[in-house]
Amino acid sequence: MKNATFEESLTELEAIVAQLERGDVPLEEALEVFQKGMLLSKKCQETLSKAEKTLTKMMTENNEEIPFTGEEEA
């Protein structure tokens, strides 16, 4: 899980949600699976936050980062 890609983590999280929604998991196992799902969710959220920060910046001709507003000249 530590070196998993965003897509791998998201797929695993979706599988955990489906498993828990079925309701056929013993309570102790459901708690463990739920905790793993929470960790995966946090990891995915952190990855998305980093991507958002990267995508909302652009470089000027002088290699300075500036916020991207969509109003910059092309």
PDB file of N, CA and C in Angstrom:
ATOM      1  N   MET A   1       0.829  -1.206   0.000  1.00  0.00           N
ATOM      2  CA  MET A   1       0.000   0.000   0.000  1.00  0.00           C
ATOM      3  C   MET A   1       0.858   1.248   0.000  1.00  0.00           C
ATOM      4  N   LYS A   2       2.024   1.199   0.636  1.00  0.00           N
ATOM      5  CA  LYS A   2       2.833   2.392   0.796  1.00  0.00           C
ATOM      6  C   LYS A   2       3.271   2.996  -0.543  1.00  0.00           C
ATOM      7  N   ASN A   3       3.650   2.140  -1.501  1.00  0.00           N
ATOM      8  CA  ASN A   3       4.120   2.627  -2.785  1.00  0.00           C
ATOM      9  C   ASN A   3       3.068   2.522  -3.879  1.00  0.00           C
ATOM     10  N   ALA A   4       1.838   2.293  -3.506  1.00  0.00           N
ATOM     11  CA  ALA A   4       0.767   2.150  -4.485  1.00  0.00           C
ATOM     12  C   ALA A   4       0.494   3.486  -5.162  1.00  0.00           C
ATOM     13  N   THR A   5       0.100   3.418  -6.418  1.00  0.00           N
ATOM     14  CA  THR A   5      -0.279   4.634  -7.137  1.00  0.00           C
ATOM     15  C   THR A   5      -1.637   5.109  -6.631  1.00  0.00           C
ATOM     16  N   PHE A   6      -1.998   6.309  -7.013  1.00  0.00           N
ATOM     17  CA  PHE A   6      -3.303   6.854  -6.647  1.00  0.00           C
ATOM     18  C   PHE A   6      -4.407   5.928  -7.155  1.00  0.00           C
ATOM     19  N   GLU A   7      -4.268   5.501  -8.394  1.00  0.00           N
ATOM     20  CA  GLU A   7      -5.285   4.657  -9.009  1.00  0.00           C
ATOM     21  C   GLU A   7      -5.418   3.315  -8.276  1.00  0.00           C
ATOM     22  N   GLU A   8      -4.285   2.727  -7.881  1.00  0.00           N
ATOM     23  CA  GLU A   8      -4.315   1.465  -7.136  1.00  0.00           C
ATOM     24  C   GLU A   8      -4.982   1.648  -5.775  1.00  0.00           C
ATOM     25  N   SER A   9      -4.649   2.747  -5.114  1.00  0.00           N
ATOM     26  CA  SER A   9      -5.248   3.029  -3.803  1.00  0.00           C
ATOM     27  C   SER A   9      -6.745   3.250  -3.930  1.00  0.00           C
ATOM     28  N   LEU A  10      -7.152   3.969  -4.964  1.00  0.00           N
ATOM     29  CA  LEU A  10      -8.573   4.247  -5.171  1.00  0.00           C
ATOM     30  C   LEU A  10      -9.334   2.953  -5.481  1.00  0.00           C
ATOM     31  N   THR A  11      -8.752   2.088  -6.299  1.00  0.00           N
ATOM     32  CA  THR A  11      -9.385   0.811  -6.612  1.00  0.00           C
ATOM     33  C   THR A  11      -9.553  -0.040  -5.358  1.00  0.00           C
ATOM     34  N   GLU A  12      -8.515  -0.061  -4.525  1.00  0.00           N
ATOM     35  CA  GLU A  12      -8.593  -0.825  -3.279  1.00  0.00           C
ATOM     36  C   GLU A  12      -9.642  -0.233  -2.343  1.00  0.00           C
ATOM     37  N   LEU A  13      -9.712   1.081  -2.281  1.00  0.00           N
ATOM     38  CA  LEU A  13     -10.709   1.744  -1.445  1.00  0.00           C
ATOM     39  C   LEU A  13     -12.121   1.412  -1.931  1.00  0.00           C
ATOM     40  N   GLU A  14     -12.326   1.426  -3.238  1.00  0.00           N
ATOM     41  CA  GLU A  14     -13.637   1.081  -3.796  1.00  0.00           C
ATOM     42  C   GLU A  14     -14.018  -0.360  -3.450  1.00  0.00           C
ATOM     43  N   ALA A  15     -13.044  -1.268  -3.476  1.00  0.00           N
ATOM     44  CA  ALA A  15     -13.304  -2.666  -3.124  1.00  0.00           C
ATOM     45  C   ALA A  15     -13.688  -2.785  -1.649  1.00  0.00           C
ATOM     46  N   ILE A  16     -13.030  -2.014  -0.795  1.00  0.00           N
ATOM     47  CA  ILE A  16     -13.337  -2.025   0.642  1.00  0.00           C
ATOM     48  C   ILE A  16     -14.756  -1.516   0.870  1.00  0.00           C
ATOM     49  N   VAL A  17     -15.115  -0.438   0.201  1.00  0.00           N
ATOM     50  CA  VAL A  17     -16.463   0.112   0.356  1.00  0.00           C
ATOM     51  C   VAL A  17     -17.504  -0.917  -0.073  1.00  0.00           C
ATOM     52  N   ALA A  18     -17.262  -1.563  -1.214  1.00  0.00           N
ATOM     53  CA  ALA A  18     -18.205  -2.574  -1.702  1.00  0.00           C
ATOM     54  C   ALA A  18     -18.327  -3.724  -0.705  1.00  0.00           C
ATOM     55  N   GLN A  19     -17.196  -4.136  -0.159  1.00  0.00           N
ATOM     56  CA  GLN A  19     -17.195  -5.235   0.812  1.00  0.00           C
ATOM     57  C   GLN A  19     -18.002  -4.860   2.050  1.00  0.00           C
ATOM     58  N   LEU A  20     -17.805  -3.653   2.549  1.00  0.00           N
ATOM     59  CA  LEU A  20     -18.519  -3.217   3.748  1.00  0.00           C
ATOM     60  C   LEU A  20     -20.007  -3.007   3.463  1.00  0.00           C
ATOM     61  N   GLU A  21     -20.331  -2.549   2.252  1.00  0.00           N
ATOM     62  CA  GLU A  21     -21.734  -2.339   1.901  1.00  0.00           C
ATOM     63  C   GLU A  21     -22.510  -3.651   1.822  1.00  0.00           C
ATOM     64  N   ARG A  22     -21.825  -4.731   1.446  1.00  0.00           N
ATOM     65  CA  ARG A  22     -22.490  -6.037   1.390  1.00  0.00           C
ATOM     66  C   ARG A  22     -22.949  -6.477   2.777  1.00  0.00           C
ATOM     67  N   GLY A  23     -22.184  -6.087   3.791  1.00  0.00           N
ATOM     68  CA  GLY A  23     -22.574  -6.385   5.172  1.00  0.00           C
ATOM     69  C   GLY A  23     -22.347  -7.818   5.597  1.00  0.00           C
ATOM     70  N   ASP A  24     -21.563  -8.571   4.835  1.00  0.00           N
ATOM     71  CA  ASP A  24     -21.339  -9.970   5.183  1.00  0.00           C
ATOM     72  C   ASP A  24     -19.977 -10.202   5.825  1.00  0.00           C
ATOM     73  N   VAL A  25     -19.377  -9.142   6.361  1.00  0.00           N
ATOM     74  CA  VAL A  25     -18.056  -9.225   6.978  1.00  0.00           C
ATOM     75  C   VAL A  25     -18.231  -9.264   8.496  1.00  0.00           C
ATOM     76  N   PRO A  26     -17.570 -10.209   9.174  1.00  0.00           N
ATOM     77  CA  PRO A  26     -17.640 -10.235  10.640  1.00  0.00           C
ATOM     78  C   PRO A  26     -17.181  -8.893  11.227  1.00  0.00           C
ATOM     79  N   LEU A  27     -17.736  -8.537  12.345  1.00  0.00           N
ATOM     80  CA  LEU A  27     -17.493  -7.227  12.952  1.00  0.00           C
ATOM     81  C   LEU A  27     -16.014  -6.912  13.116  1.00  0.00           C
ATOM     82  N   GLU A  28     -15.247  -7.837  13.659  1.00  0.00           N
ATOM     83  CA  GLU A  28     -13.821  -7.572  13.895  1.00  0.00           C
ATOM     84  C   GLU A  28     -13.089  -7.286  12.579  1.00  0.00           C
ATOM     85  N   GLU A  29     -13.409  -8.093  11.576  1.00  0.00           N
ATOM     86  CA  GLU A  29     -12.786  -7.886  10.261  1.00  0.00           C
ATOM     87  C   GLU A  29     -13.266  -6.584   9.634  1.00  0.00           C
ATOM     88  N   ALA A  30     -14.547  -6.264   9.811  1.00  0.00           N
ATOM     89  CA  ALA A  30     -15.102  -5.024   9.269  1.00  0.00           C
ATOM     90  C   ALA A  30     -14.390  -3.812   9.865  1.00  0.00           C
ATOM     91  N   LEU A  31     -14.076  -3.868  11.147  1.00  0.00           N
ATOM     92  CA  LEU A  31     -13.366  -2.759  11.787  1.00  0.00           C
ATOM     93  C   LEU A  31     -11.964  -2.592  11.196  1.00  0.00           C
ATOM     94  N   GLU A  32     -11.282  -3.709  10.979  1.00  0.00           N
ATOM     95  CA  GLU A  32      -9.937  -3.650  10.385  1.00  0.00           C
ATOM     96  C   GLU A  32      -9.993  -3.110   8.960  1.00  0.00           C
ATOM     97  N   VAL A  33     -10.959  -3.608   8.198  1.00  0.00           N
ATOM     98  CA  VAL A  33     -11.112  -3.166   6.807  1.00  0.00           C
ATOM     99  C   VAL A  33     -11.479  -1.683   6.778  1.00  0.00           C
ATOM    100  N   PHE A  34     -12.350  -1.266   7.679  1.00  0.00           N
ATOM    101  CA  PHE A  34     -12.749   0.140   7.752  1.00  0.00           C
ATOM    102  C   PHE A  34     -11.533   1.035   8.037  1.00  0.00           C
ATOM    103  N   GLN A  35     -10.700   0.621   8.987  1.00  0.00           N
ATOM    104  CA  GLN A  35      -9.508   1.409   9.320  1.00  0.00           C
ATOM    105  C   GLN A  35      -8.567   1.508   8.121  1.00  0.00           C
ATOM    106  N   LYS A  36      -8.396   0.399   7.412  1.00  0.00           N
ATOM    107  CA  LYS A  36      -7.561   0.422   6.213  1.00  0.00           C
ATOM    108  C   LYS A  36      -8.157   1.363   5.171  1.00  0.00           C
ATOM    109  N   GLY A  37      -9.470   1.331   5.044  1.00  0.00           N
ATOM    110  CA  GLY A  37     -10.151   2.226   4.109  1.00  0.00           C
ATOM    111  C   GLY A  37      -9.947   3.692   4.464  1.00  0.00           C
ATOM    112  N   MET A  38      -9.968   3.988   5.744  1.00  0.00           N
ATOM    113  CA  MET A  38      -9.750   5.370   6.185  1.00  0.00           C
ATOM    114  C   MET A  38      -8.340   5.830   5.837  1.00  0.00           C
ATOM    115  N   LEU A  39      -7.349   4.943   6.013  1.00  0.00           N
ATOM    116  CA  LEU A  39      -5.973   5.288   5.652  1.00  0.00           C
ATOM    117  C   LEU A  39      -5.844   5.519   4.147  1.00  0.00           C
ATOM    118  N   LEU A  40      -6.477   4.650   3.366  1.00  0.00           N
ATOM    119  CA  LEU A  40      -6.440   4.813   1.912  1.00  0.00           C
ATOM    120  C   LEU A  40      -7.125   6.116   1.494  1.00  0.00           C
ATOM    121  N   SER A  41      -8.238   6.413   2.137  1.00  0.00           N
ATOM    122  CA  SER A  41      -8.959   7.645   1.833  1.00  0.00           C
ATOM    123  C   SER A  41      -8.090   8.868   2.117  1.00  0.00           C
ATOM    124  N   LYS A  42      -7.402   8.850   3.238  1.00  0.00           N
ATOM    125  CA  LYS A  42      -6.518   9.961   3.604  1.00  0.00           C
ATOM    126  C   LYS A  42      -5.383  10.095   2.589  1.00  0.00           C
ATOM    127  N   LYS A  43      -4.804   8.959   2.189  1.00  0.00           N
ATOM    128  CA  LYS A  43      -3.713   8.991   1.212  1.00  0.00           C
ATOM    129  C   LYS A  43      -4.198   9.565  -0.114  1.00  0.00           C
ATOM    130  N   CYS A  44      -5.362   9.131  -0.567  1.00  0.00           N
ATOM    131  CA  CYS A  44      -5.910   9.634  -1.832  1.00  0.00           C
ATOM    132  C   CYS A  44      -6.191  11.134  -1.741  1.00  0.00           C
ATOM    133  N   GLN A  45      -6.740  11.577  -0.618  1.00  0.00           N
ATOM    134  CA  GLN A  45      -7.034  13.002  -0.443  1.00  0.00           C
ATOM    135  C   GLN A  45      -5.759  13.834  -0.464  1.00  0.00           C
ATOM    136  N   GLU A  46      -4.711  13.336   0.187  1.00  0.00           N
ATOM    137  CA  GLU A  46      -3.428  14.055   0.182  1.00  0.00           C
ATOM    138  C   GLU A  46      -2.863  14.147  -1.230  1.00  0.00           C
ATOM    139  N   THR A  47      -2.962  13.061  -1.989  1.00  0.00           N
ATOM    140  CA  THR A  47      -2.480  13.058  -3.367  1.00  0.00           C
ATOM    141  C   THR A  47      -3.258  14.065  -4.204  1.00  0.00           C
ATOM    142  N   LEU A  48      -4.576  14.094  -4.044  1.00  0.00           N
ATOM    143  CA  LEU A  48      -5.392  15.042  -4.794  1.00  0.00           C
ATOM    144  C   LEU A  48      -5.074  16.491  -4.407  1.00  0.00           C
ATOM    145  N   SER A  49      -4.838  16.740  -3.135  1.00  0.00           N
ATOM    146  CA  SER A  49      -4.501  18.094  -2.683  1.00  0.00           C
ATOM    147  C   SER A  49      -3.184  18.558  -3.287  1.00  0.00           C
ATOM    148  N   LYS A  50      -2.191  17.662  -3.317  1.00  0.00           N
ATOM    149  CA  LYS A  50      -0.900  18.006  -3.920  1.00  0.00           C
ATOM    150  C   LYS A  50      -1.052  18.284  -5.406  1.00  0.00           C
ATOM    151  N   ALA A  51      -1.837  17.468  -6.075  1.00  0.00           N
ATOM    152  CA  ALA A  51      -2.061  17.658  -7.510  1.00  0.00           C
ATOM    153  C   ALA A  51      -2.764  18.983  -7.765  1.00  0.00           C
ATOM    154  N   GLU A  52      -3.725  19.328  -6.939  1.00  0.00           N
ATOM    155  CA  GLU A  52      -4.450  20.587  -7.100  1.00  0.00           C
ATOM    156  C   GLU A  52      -3.515  21.778  -6.936  1.00  0.00           C
ATOM    157  N   LYS A  53      -2.643  21.713  -5.925  1.00  0.00           N
ATOM    158  CA  LYS A  53      -1.698  22.805  -5.712  1.00  0.00           C
ATOM    159  C   LYS A  53      -0.764  22.957  -6.905  1.00  0.00           C
ATOM    160  N   THR A  54      -0.320  21.828  -7.463  1.00  0.00           N
ATOM    161  CA  THR A  54       0.568  21.863  -8.613  1.00  0.00           C
ATOM    162  C   THR A  54      -0.143  22.438  -9.832  1.00  0.00           C
ATOM    163  N   LEU A  55      -1.377  22.035 -10.042  1.00  0.00           N
ATOM    164  CA  LEU A  55      -2.109  22.456 -11.226  1.00  0.00           C
ATOM    165  C   LEU A  55      -2.592  23.908 -11.157  1.00  0.00           C
ATOM    166  N   THR A  56      -2.633  24.479  -9.977  1.00  0.00           N
ATOM    167  CA  THR A  56      -3.102  25.850  -9.863  1.00  0.00           C
ATOM    168  C   THR A  56      -1.960  26.859  -9.903  1.00  0.00           C
ATOM    169  N   LYS A  57      -0.778  26.399 -10.254  1.00  0.00           N
ATOM    170  CA  LYS A  57       0.367  27.301 -10.407  1.00  0.00           C
ATOM    171  C   LYS A  57       0.919  27.170 -11.811  1.00  0.00           C
ATOM    172  N   MET A  58       1.507  28.224 -12.283  1.00  0.00           N
ATOM    173  CA  MET A  58       2.175  28.167 -13.573  1.00  0.00           C
ATOM    174  C   MET A  58       3.471  28.962 -13.480  1.00  0.00           C
ATOM    175  N   MET A  59       4.320  28.769 -14.420  1.00  0.00           N
ATOM    176  CA  MET A  59       5.614  29.429 -14.413  1.00  0.00           C
ATOM    177  C   MET A  59       5.596  30.619 -15.375  1.00  0.00           C
ATOM    178  N   THR A  60       6.224  31.717 -14.959  1.00  0.00           N
ATOM    179  CA  THR A  60       6.374  32.861 -15.847  1.00  0.00           C
ATOM    180  C   THR A  60       7.606  32.632 -16.720  1.00  0.00           C
ATOM    181  N   GLU A  61       7.855  33.546 -17.629  1.00  0.00           N
ATOM    182  CA  GLU A  61       9.031  33.422 -18.486  1.00  0.00           C
ATOM    183  C   GLU A  61      10.322  33.485 -17.677  1.00  0.00           C
ATOM    184  N   ASN A  62      10.288  34.077 -16.484  1.00  0.00           N
ATOM    185  CA  ASN A  62      11.462  34.188 -15.618  1.00  0.00           C
ATOM    186  C   ASN A  62      11.532  33.049 -14.606  1.00  0.00           C
ATOM    187  N   ASN A  63      10.791  31.964 -14.853  1.00  0.00           N
ATOM    188  CA  ASN A  63      10.759  30.794 -13.971  1.00  0.00           C
ATOM    189  C   ASN A  63      10.263  31.110 -12.565  1.00  0.00           C
ATOM    190  N   GLU A  64       9.312  32.024 -12.467  1.00  0.00           N
ATOM    191  CA  GLU A  64       8.687  32.336 -11.190  1.00  0.00           C
ATOM    192  C   GLU A  64       7.303  31.697 -11.174  1.00  0.00           C
ATOM    193  N   GLU A  65       6.960  31.064 -10.054  1.00  0.00           N
ATOM    194  CA  GLU A  65       5.635  30.474  -9.935  1.00  0.00           C
ATOM    195  C   GLU A  65       4.626  31.554  -9.595  1.00  0.00           C
ATOM    196  N   ILE A  66       3.489  31.519 -10.293  1.00  0.00           N
ATOM    197  CA  ILE A  66       2.397  32.447  -9.992  1.00  0.00           C
ATOM    198  C   ILE A  66       1.103  31.650  -9.966  1.00  0.00           C
ATOM    199  N   PRO A  67       0.135  32.110  -9.212  1.00  0.00           N
ATOM    200  CA  PRO A  67      -1.172  31.405  -9.194  1.00  0.00           C
ATOM    201  C   PRO A  67      -1.808  31.445 -10.571  1.00  0.00           C
ATOM    202  N   PHE A  68      -2.424  30.355 -10.978  1.00  0.00           N
ATOM    203  CA  PHE A  68      -3.117  30.282 -12.251  1.00  0.00           C
ATOM    204  C   PHE A  68      -4.543  30.729 -12.047  1.00  0.00           C
ATOM    205  N   THR A  69      -4.958  31.763 -12.766  1.00  0.00           N
ATOM    206  CA  THR A  69      -6.317  32.273 -12.638  1.00  0.00           C
ATOM    207  C   THR A  69      -7.138  32.036 -13.893  1.00  0.00           C
ATOM    208  N   GLY A  70      -6.496  31.626 -14.978  1.00  0.00           N
ATOM    209  CA  GLY A  70      -7.192  31.409 -16.227  1.00  0.00           C
ATOM    210  C   GLY A  70      -7.287  32.676 -17.057  1.00  0.00           C
ATOM    211  N   GLU A  71      -6.779  33.795 -16.534  1.00  0.00           N
ATOM    212  CA  GLU A  71      -6.851  35.071 -17.232  1.00  0.00           C
ATOM    213  C   GLU A  71      -5.500  35.494 -17.803  1.00  0.00           C
ATOM    214  N   GLU A  72      -4.499  34.624 -17.691  1.00  0.00           N
ATOM    215  CA  GLU A  72      -3.174  34.966 -18.195  1.00  0.00           C
ATOM    216  C   GLU A  72      -3.201  34.989 -19.718  1.00  0.00           C
ATOM    217  N   GLU A  73      -2.317  35.807 -20.270  1.00  0.00           N
ATOM    218  CA  GLU A  73      -2.218  35.894 -21.724  1.00  0.00           C
ATOM    219  C   GLU A  73      -1.526  34.658 -22.267  1.00  0.00           C
ATOM    220  N   ALA A  74      -1.968  34.184 -23.398  1.00  0.00           N
ATOM    221  CA  ALA A  74      -1.365  32.990 -24.006  1.00  0.00           C
ATOM    222  C   ALA A  74      -0.126  33.344 -24.772  1.00  0.00           C
TER     223      ALA A  74
END
